[in-house]
Amino acid sequence: MVKLGIEFLKSCPGPEGLPADGLPEVAFIGRSNVGKSSLINRLAGGRKVARTSSRPGCTQYINIFTTSRKFYIADLPGYGFAKAPEHLRRQWIDWIGWYLRERKPLRGTILLVDARHPGLENDLSMAQYLMEGGKPYIIALTKSDKLKRGKLAASVRVAREMGPVIAVSSVDGSGMNELCKWLADTTAAGISVGS
């Protein structure tokens, strides 16, 4: 199993306090409750380095994680439904926009999309935003273990309208090696990929 030596570093209330050492960063973004924290934990070898919750809107800051491969993971607040005040949700959108447009160390973005609900309007809008931004991005089709093979294939076809796709599961680990290869290529980190 791939392990990236991931550790939680800090939560940043917007741009303030983000790492200033210039190491490459990869953003994780997606709808509230799409499984960002679970995916980070799986990449960490199953250790619980990111807080998970069944309640949408749990990530309310930009959470920064270090890796042993000399790049950072930035877990951005979820978009879409969240049980949070309207002014907070607007603030999160501002932070996301700023980070994806202005953050110089950002090398690429992983857009997490629920395999059971591909092609939702706000996912399509985010994919379009990433496409126009010009930096590498990939669609991680989460919760793929919950679909039978035929339904998953159909979901992948729909998701490909948004960009390149890797079907992943935080439960059974499928797609993790592929995702790590993408991280290695995007950050130029020496990640050893294998079983």
C-alpha atoms as a PDB file:
ATOM      1  CA  MET A   1       0.000   0.000   0.000  1.00  0.00           C
ATOM      2  CA  VAL A   2       1.225   3.484  -0.862  1.00  0.00           C
ATOM      3  CA  LYS A   3       2.073   5.741   2.064  1.00  0.00           C
ATOM      4  CA  LEU A   4       2.923   9.408   1.690  1.00  0.00           C
ATOM      5  CA  GLY A   5       3.984  10.116   5.266  1.00  0.00           C
ATOM      6  CA  ILE A   6       1.124  12.598   5.651  1.00  0.00           C
ATOM      7  CA  GLU A   7       0.845  14.643   8.840  1.00  0.00           C
ATOM      8  CA  PHE A   8      -1.523  17.457   9.757  1.00  0.00           C
ATOM      9  CA  LEU A   9       0.360  20.771   9.929  1.00  0.00           C
ATOM     10  CA  LYS A  10      -2.211  23.509  10.614  1.00  0.00           C
ATOM     11  CA  SER A  11      -5.564  25.095   9.780  1.00  0.00           C
ATOM     12  CA  CYS A  12      -5.439  28.493   8.119  1.00  0.00           C
ATOM     13  CA  PRO A  13      -8.342  30.968   8.244  1.00  0.00           C
ATOM     14  CA  GLY A  14      -7.914  32.012   4.622  1.00  0.00           C
ATOM     15  CA  PRO A  15      -4.592  33.103   3.093  1.00  0.00           C
ATOM     16  CA  GLU A  16      -3.036  34.017   6.453  1.00  0.00           C
ATOM     17  CA  GLY A  17      -0.534  31.513   7.760  1.00  0.00           C
ATOM     18  CA  LEU A  18      -0.154  29.376   4.634  1.00  0.00           C
ATOM     19  CA  PRO A  19       3.326  27.849   4.196  1.00  0.00           C
ATOM     20  CA  ALA A  20       5.879  30.359   2.942  1.00  0.00           C
ATOM     21  CA  ASP A  21       8.719  27.983   2.019  1.00  0.00           C
ATOM     22  CA  GLY A  22       7.640  27.601  -1.626  1.00  0.00           C
ATOM     23  CA  LEU A  23       7.300  23.800  -1.591  1.00  0.00           C
ATOM     24  CA  PRO A  24       4.785  22.471  -4.153  1.00  0.00           C
ATOM     25  CA  GLU A  25       1.149  22.215  -3.074  1.00  0.00           C
ATOM     26  CA  VAL A  26      -1.772  20.126  -4.297  1.00  0.00           C
ATOM     27  CA  ALA A  27      -5.320  21.222  -3.487  1.00  0.00           C
ATOM     28  CA  PHE A  28      -8.105  18.793  -2.599  1.00  0.00           C
ATOM     29  CA  ILE A  29     -11.503  20.263  -3.382  1.00  0.00           C
ATOM     30  CA  GLY A  30     -15.062  18.992  -3.697  1.00  0.00           C
ATOM     31  CA  ARG A  31     -18.610  19.191  -2.462  1.00  0.00           C
ATOM     32  CA  SER A  32     -19.253  19.002   1.244  1.00  0.00           C
ATOM     33  CA  ASN A  33     -19.211  15.371   2.418  1.00  0.00           C
ATOM     34  CA  VAL A  34     -17.615  14.008  -0.781  1.00  0.00           C
ATOM     35  CA  GLY A  35     -14.908  12.232   1.198  1.00  0.00           C
ATOM     36  CA  LYS A  36     -11.864  14.537   1.110  1.00  0.00           C
ATOM     37  CA  SER A  37     -10.754  13.709   4.653  1.00  0.00           C
ATOM     38  CA  SER A  38     -11.294   9.968   4.128  1.00  0.00           C
ATOM     39  CA  LEU A  39      -9.183  10.053   0.961  1.00  0.00           C
ATOM     40  CA  ILE A  40      -6.366  11.925   2.728  1.00  0.00           C
ATOM     41  CA  ASN A  41      -6.487   9.376   5.548  1.00  0.00           C
ATOM     42  CA  ARG A  42      -6.267   6.501   3.043  1.00  0.00           C
ATOM     43  CA  LEU A  43      -3.252   8.148   1.374  1.00  0.00           C
ATOM     44  CA  ALA A  44      -1.723   8.385   4.856  1.00  0.00           C
ATOM     45  CA  GLY A  45      -1.840   4.591   5.088  1.00  0.00           C
ATOM     46  CA  GLY A  46      -5.136   4.471   6.947  1.00  0.00           C
ATOM     47  CA  ARG A  47      -4.040   6.729   9.809  1.00  0.00           C
ATOM     48  CA  LYS A  48      -6.591   9.353  10.861  1.00  0.00           C
ATOM     49  CA  VAL A  49      -4.644  12.539  10.095  1.00  0.00           C
ATOM     50  CA  ALA A  50      -7.706  14.379   8.735  1.00  0.00           C
ATOM     51  CA  ARG A  51     -10.890  14.772  10.739  1.00  0.00           C
ATOM     52  CA  THR A  52     -13.859  12.982   9.177  1.00  0.00           C
ATOM     53  CA  SER A  53     -17.526  13.654   9.829  1.00  0.00           C
ATOM     54  CA  SER A  54     -20.883  12.572   8.449  1.00  0.00           C
ATOM     55  CA  ARG A  55     -21.958  16.205   8.858  1.00  0.00           C
ATOM     56  CA  PRO A  56     -21.394  18.301   5.700  1.00  0.00           C
ATOM     57  CA  GLY A  57     -19.328  21.451   6.152  1.00  0.00           C
ATOM     58  CA  CYS A  58     -16.856  19.990   8.644  1.00  0.00           C
ATOM     59  CA  THR A  59     -13.825  21.549   6.898  1.00  0.00           C
ATOM     60  CA  GLN A  60     -14.124  25.263   7.604  1.00  0.00           C
ATOM     61  CA  TYR A  61     -10.493  26.345   7.094  1.00  0.00           C
ATOM     62  CA  ILE A  62      -7.721  25.599   4.634  1.00  0.00           C
ATOM     63  CA  ASN A  63      -6.183  22.543   6.293  1.00  0.00           C
ATOM     64  CA  ILE A  64      -2.525  21.994   5.425  1.00  0.00           C
ATOM     65  CA  PHE A  65      -0.834  18.598   5.554  1.00  0.00           C
ATOM     66  CA  THR A  66       2.858  17.878   5.130  1.00  0.00           C
ATOM     67  CA  THR A  67       4.127  14.829   3.275  1.00  0.00           C
ATOM     68  CA  SER A  68       7.403  12.963   3.483  1.00  0.00           C
ATOM     69  CA  ARG A  69       7.717  13.635  -0.263  1.00  0.00           C
ATOM     70  CA  LYS A  70       8.331  17.354   0.149  1.00  0.00           C
ATOM     71  CA  PHE A  71       4.994  18.749  -0.958  1.00  0.00           C
ATOM     72  CA  TYR A  72       1.908  19.978   0.863  1.00  0.00           C
ATOM     73  CA  ILE A  73      -1.718  18.921   0.586  1.00  0.00           C
ATOM     74  CA  ALA A  74      -4.220  21.751   1.034  1.00  0.00           C
ATOM     75  CA  ASP A  75      -7.690  20.506   2.002  1.00  0.00           C
ATOM     76  CA  LEU A  76     -10.027  23.332   0.968  1.00  0.00           C
ATOM     77  CA  PRO A  77     -13.511  23.911   2.449  1.00  0.00           C
ATOM     78  CA  GLY A  78     -16.265  21.980   0.717  1.00  0.00           C
ATOM     79  CA  TYR A  79     -18.723  23.722  -1.562  1.00  0.00           C
ATOM     80  CA  GLY A  80     -22.404  22.995  -2.011  1.00  0.00           C
ATOM     81  CA  PHE A  81     -24.617  22.075   0.929  1.00  0.00           C
ATOM     82  CA  ALA A  82     -23.154  22.763   4.341  1.00  0.00           C
ATOM     83  CA  LYS A  83     -24.772  23.441   7.687  1.00  0.00           C
ATOM     84  CA  ALA A  84     -22.997  26.735   8.156  1.00  0.00           C
ATOM     85  CA  PRO A  85     -24.108  30.387   8.123  1.00  0.00           C
ATOM     86  CA  GLU A  86     -24.403  32.026   4.703  1.00  0.00           C
ATOM     87  CA  HIS A  87     -21.602  34.531   5.414  1.00  0.00           C
ATOM     88  CA  LEU A  88     -19.208  31.655   6.208  1.00  0.00           C
ATOM     89  CA  ARG A  89     -20.086  29.809   3.019  1.00  0.00           C
ATOM     90  CA  ARG A  90     -19.467  32.999   0.995  1.00  0.00           C
ATOM     91  CA  GLN A  91     -16.114  33.393   2.740  1.00  0.00           C
ATOM     92  CA  TRP A  92     -15.147  29.814   1.841  1.00  0.00           C
ATOM     93  CA  ILE A  93     -15.932  30.479  -1.834  1.00  0.00           C
ATOM     94  CA  ASP A  94     -13.725  33.585  -1.708  1.00  0.00           C
ATOM     95  CA  TRP A  95     -10.885  31.589  -0.150  1.00  0.00           C
ATOM     96  CA  ILE A  96     -11.223  28.793  -2.713  1.00  0.00           C
ATOM     97  CA  GLY A  97     -11.208  31.273  -5.600  1.00  0.00           C
ATOM     98  CA  TRP A  98      -8.188  33.119  -4.221  1.00  0.00           C
ATOM     99  CA  TYR A  99      -6.255  29.916  -3.545  1.00  0.00           C
ATOM    100  CA  LEU A 100      -6.878  28.387  -6.975  1.00  0.00           C
ATOM    101  CA  ARG A 101      -6.123  31.658  -8.825  1.00  0.00           C
ATOM    102  CA  GLU A 102      -3.362  33.274  -6.798  1.00  0.00           C
ATOM    103  CA  ARG A 103      -1.468  30.643  -4.789  1.00  0.00           C
ATOM    104  CA  LYS A 104       1.940  30.436  -6.475  1.00  0.00           C
ATOM    105  CA  PRO A 105       3.140  27.070  -5.029  1.00  0.00           C
ATOM    106  CA  LEU A 106      -0.062  25.356  -6.269  1.00  0.00           C
ATOM    107  CA  ARG A 107       0.943  22.701  -8.798  1.00  0.00           C
ATOM    108  CA  GLY A 108      -2.354  20.936  -9.308  1.00  0.00           C
ATOM    109  CA  THR A 109      -5.810  20.160  -7.954  1.00  0.00           C
ATOM    110  CA  ILE A 110      -7.685  16.967  -7.190  1.00  0.00           C
ATOM    111  CA  LEU A 111     -11.409  17.565  -7.702  1.00  0.00           C
ATOM    112  CA  LEU A 112     -13.339  14.964  -5.716  1.00  0.00           C
ATOM    113  CA  VAL A 113     -16.690  13.949  -7.196  1.00  0.00           C
ATOM    114  CA  ASP A 114     -19.073  11.385  -5.682  1.00  0.00           C
ATOM    115  CA  ALA A 115     -19.259   8.397  -8.073  1.00  0.00           C
ATOM    116  CA  ARG A 116     -22.970   8.059  -7.283  1.00  0.00           C
ATOM    117  CA  HIS A 117     -23.718  11.625  -8.398  1.00  0.00           C
ATOM    118  CA  PRO A 118     -21.440  12.621 -11.290  1.00  0.00           C
ATOM    119  CA  GLY A 119     -22.265  15.665 -13.374  1.00  0.00           C
ATOM    120  CA  LEU A 120     -23.829  17.832 -10.650  1.00  0.00           C
ATOM    121  CA  GLU A 121     -23.941  21.491 -11.605  1.00  0.00           C
ATOM    122  CA  ASN A 122     -21.497  22.804  -9.008  1.00  0.00           C
ATOM    123  CA  ASP A 123     -18.980  20.029  -9.842  1.00  0.00           C
ATOM    124  CA  LEU A 124     -19.258  20.913 -13.527  1.00  0.00           C
ATOM    125  CA  SER A 125     -18.725  24.592 -12.685  1.00  0.00           C
ATOM    126  CA  MET A 126     -15.657  23.799 -10.582  1.00  0.00           C
ATOM    127  CA  ALA A 127     -14.185  21.608 -13.333  1.00  0.00           C
ATOM    128  CA  GLN A 128     -14.706  24.437 -15.822  1.00  0.00           C
ATOM    129  CA  TYR A 129     -12.999  26.853 -13.414  1.00  0.00           C
ATOM    130  CA  LEU A 130     -10.028  24.495 -13.077  1.00  0.00           C
ATOM    131  CA  MET A 131      -9.851  23.984 -16.834  1.00  0.00           C
ATOM    132  CA  GLU A 132      -9.717  27.734 -17.410  1.00  0.00           C
ATOM    133  CA  GLY A 133      -7.052  28.089 -14.690  1.00  0.00           C
ATOM    134  CA  GLY A 134      -4.573  26.160 -16.823  1.00  0.00           C
ATOM    135  CA  LYS A 135      -2.940  24.109 -14.044  1.00  0.00           C
ATOM    136  CA  PRO A 136      -3.093  20.299 -13.943  1.00  0.00           C
ATOM    137  CA  TYR A 137      -6.128  18.773 -12.294  1.00  0.00           C
ATOM    138  CA  ILE A 138      -7.748  15.382 -12.089  1.00  0.00           C
ATOM    139  CA  ILE A 139     -11.176  14.099 -11.094  1.00  0.00           C
ATOM    140  CA  ALA A 140     -11.063  11.601  -8.210  1.00  0.00           C
ATOM    141  CA  LEU A 141     -14.342   9.705  -8.406  1.00  0.00           C
ATOM    142  CA  THR A 142     -14.873   8.882  -4.715  1.00  0.00           C
ATOM    143  CA  LYS A 143     -16.974   6.140  -3.125  1.00  0.00           C
ATOM    144  CA  SER A 144     -16.514   4.011  -6.254  1.00  0.00           C
ATOM    145  CA  ASP A 145     -16.751   0.872  -4.099  1.00  0.00           C
ATOM    146  CA  LYS A 146     -20.459   1.629  -3.588  1.00  0.00           C
ATOM    147  CA  LEU A 147     -21.263   1.035  -7.301  1.00  0.00           C
ATOM    148  CA  LYS A 148     -21.372  -2.185  -9.289  1.00  0.00           C
ATOM    149  CA  ARG A 149     -19.005  -2.403 -12.257  1.00  0.00           C
ATOM    150  CA  GLY A 150     -21.516  -1.343 -14.933  1.00  0.00           C
ATOM    151  CA  LYS A 151     -22.781   1.662 -12.951  1.00  0.00           C
ATOM    152  CA  LEU A 152     -19.227   2.725 -12.128  1.00  0.00           C
ATOM    153  CA  ALA A 153     -18.258   2.571 -15.814  1.00  0.00           C
ATOM    154  CA  ALA A 154     -21.255   4.798 -16.640  1.00  0.00           C
ATOM    155  CA  SER A 155     -20.262   7.194 -13.850  1.00  0.00           C
ATOM    156  CA  VAL A 156     -16.685   7.386 -15.172  1.00  0.00           C
ATOM    157  CA  ARG A 157     -18.023   8.220 -18.661  1.00  0.00           C
ATOM    158  CA  VAL A 158     -20.084  11.104 -17.256  1.00  0.00           C
ATOM    159  CA  ALA A 159     -17.172  12.359 -15.139  1.00  0.00           C
ATOM    160  CA  ARG A 160     -14.832  12.364 -18.158  1.00  0.00           C
ATOM    161  CA  GLU A 161     -16.821  15.327 -19.459  1.00  0.00           C
ATOM    162  CA  MET A 162     -15.132  17.285 -16.639  1.00  0.00           C
ATOM    163  CA  GLY A 163     -11.563  16.071 -17.208  1.00  0.00           C
ATOM    164  CA  PRO A 164      -9.267  13.084 -16.661  1.00  0.00           C
ATOM    165  CA  VAL A 165     -10.694  10.614 -14.126  1.00  0.00           C
ATOM    166  CA  ILE A 166      -9.440   8.133 -11.551  1.00  0.00           C
ATOM    167  CA  ALA A 167     -12.082   6.045  -9.748  1.00  0.00           C
ATOM    168  CA  VAL A 168     -10.995   5.782  -6.103  1.00  0.00           C
ATOM    169  CA  SER A 169     -12.195   4.245  -2.878  1.00  0.00           C
ATOM    170  CA  SER A 170     -11.067   5.127   0.615  1.00  0.00           C
ATOM    171  CA  VAL A 171     -12.585   1.822   1.754  1.00  0.00           C
ATOM    172  CA  ASP A 172     -10.896  -0.752  -0.499  1.00  0.00           C
ATOM    173  CA  GLY A 173      -7.969   1.377  -1.702  1.00  0.00           C
ATOM    174  CA  SER A 174      -8.765   1.149  -5.399  1.00  0.00           C
ATOM    175  CA  GLY A 175      -7.207   3.893  -7.507  1.00  0.00           C
ATOM    176  CA  MET A 176      -4.674   4.887  -4.816  1.00  0.00           C
ATOM    177  CA  ASN A 177      -1.565   3.901  -6.788  1.00  0.00           C
ATOM    178  CA  GLU A 178      -2.831   5.784  -9.834  1.00  0.00           C
ATOM    179  CA  LEU A 179      -3.595   8.827  -7.703  1.00  0.00           C
ATOM    180  CA  CYS A 180      -0.125   8.697  -6.143  1.00  0.00           C
ATOM    181  CA  LYS A 181       1.460   8.515  -9.593  1.00  0.00           C
ATOM    182  CA  TRP A 182      -0.469  11.644 -10.568  1.00  0.00           C
ATOM    183  CA  LEU A 183       0.721  13.369  -7.377  1.00  0.00           C
ATOM    184  CA  ALA A 184       4.310  12.332  -8.142  1.00  0.00           C
ATOM    185  CA  ASP A 185       4.152  13.626 -11.707  1.00  0.00           C
ATOM    186  CA  THR A 186       2.434  16.872 -10.701  1.00  0.00           C
ATOM    187  CA  THR A 187       4.753  17.748  -7.822  1.00  0.00           C
ATOM    188  CA  ALA A 188       7.876  16.077  -9.248  1.00  0.00           C
ATOM    189  CA  ALA A 189       8.119  14.175  -5.966  1.00  0.00           C
ATOM    190  CA  GLY A 190       9.844  10.804  -5.779  1.00  0.00           C
ATOM    191  CA  ILE A 191       6.830   8.724  -4.744  1.00  0.00           C
ATOM    192  CA  SER A 192       7.353   4.974  -4.930  1.00  0.00           C
ATOM    193  CA  VAL A 193       4.152   3.479  -6.331  1.00  0.00           C
ATOM    194  CA  GLY A 194       3.394  -0.183  -5.820  1.00  0.00           C
ATOM    195  CA  SER A 195       1.396  -2.610  -3.742  1.00  0.00           C
END
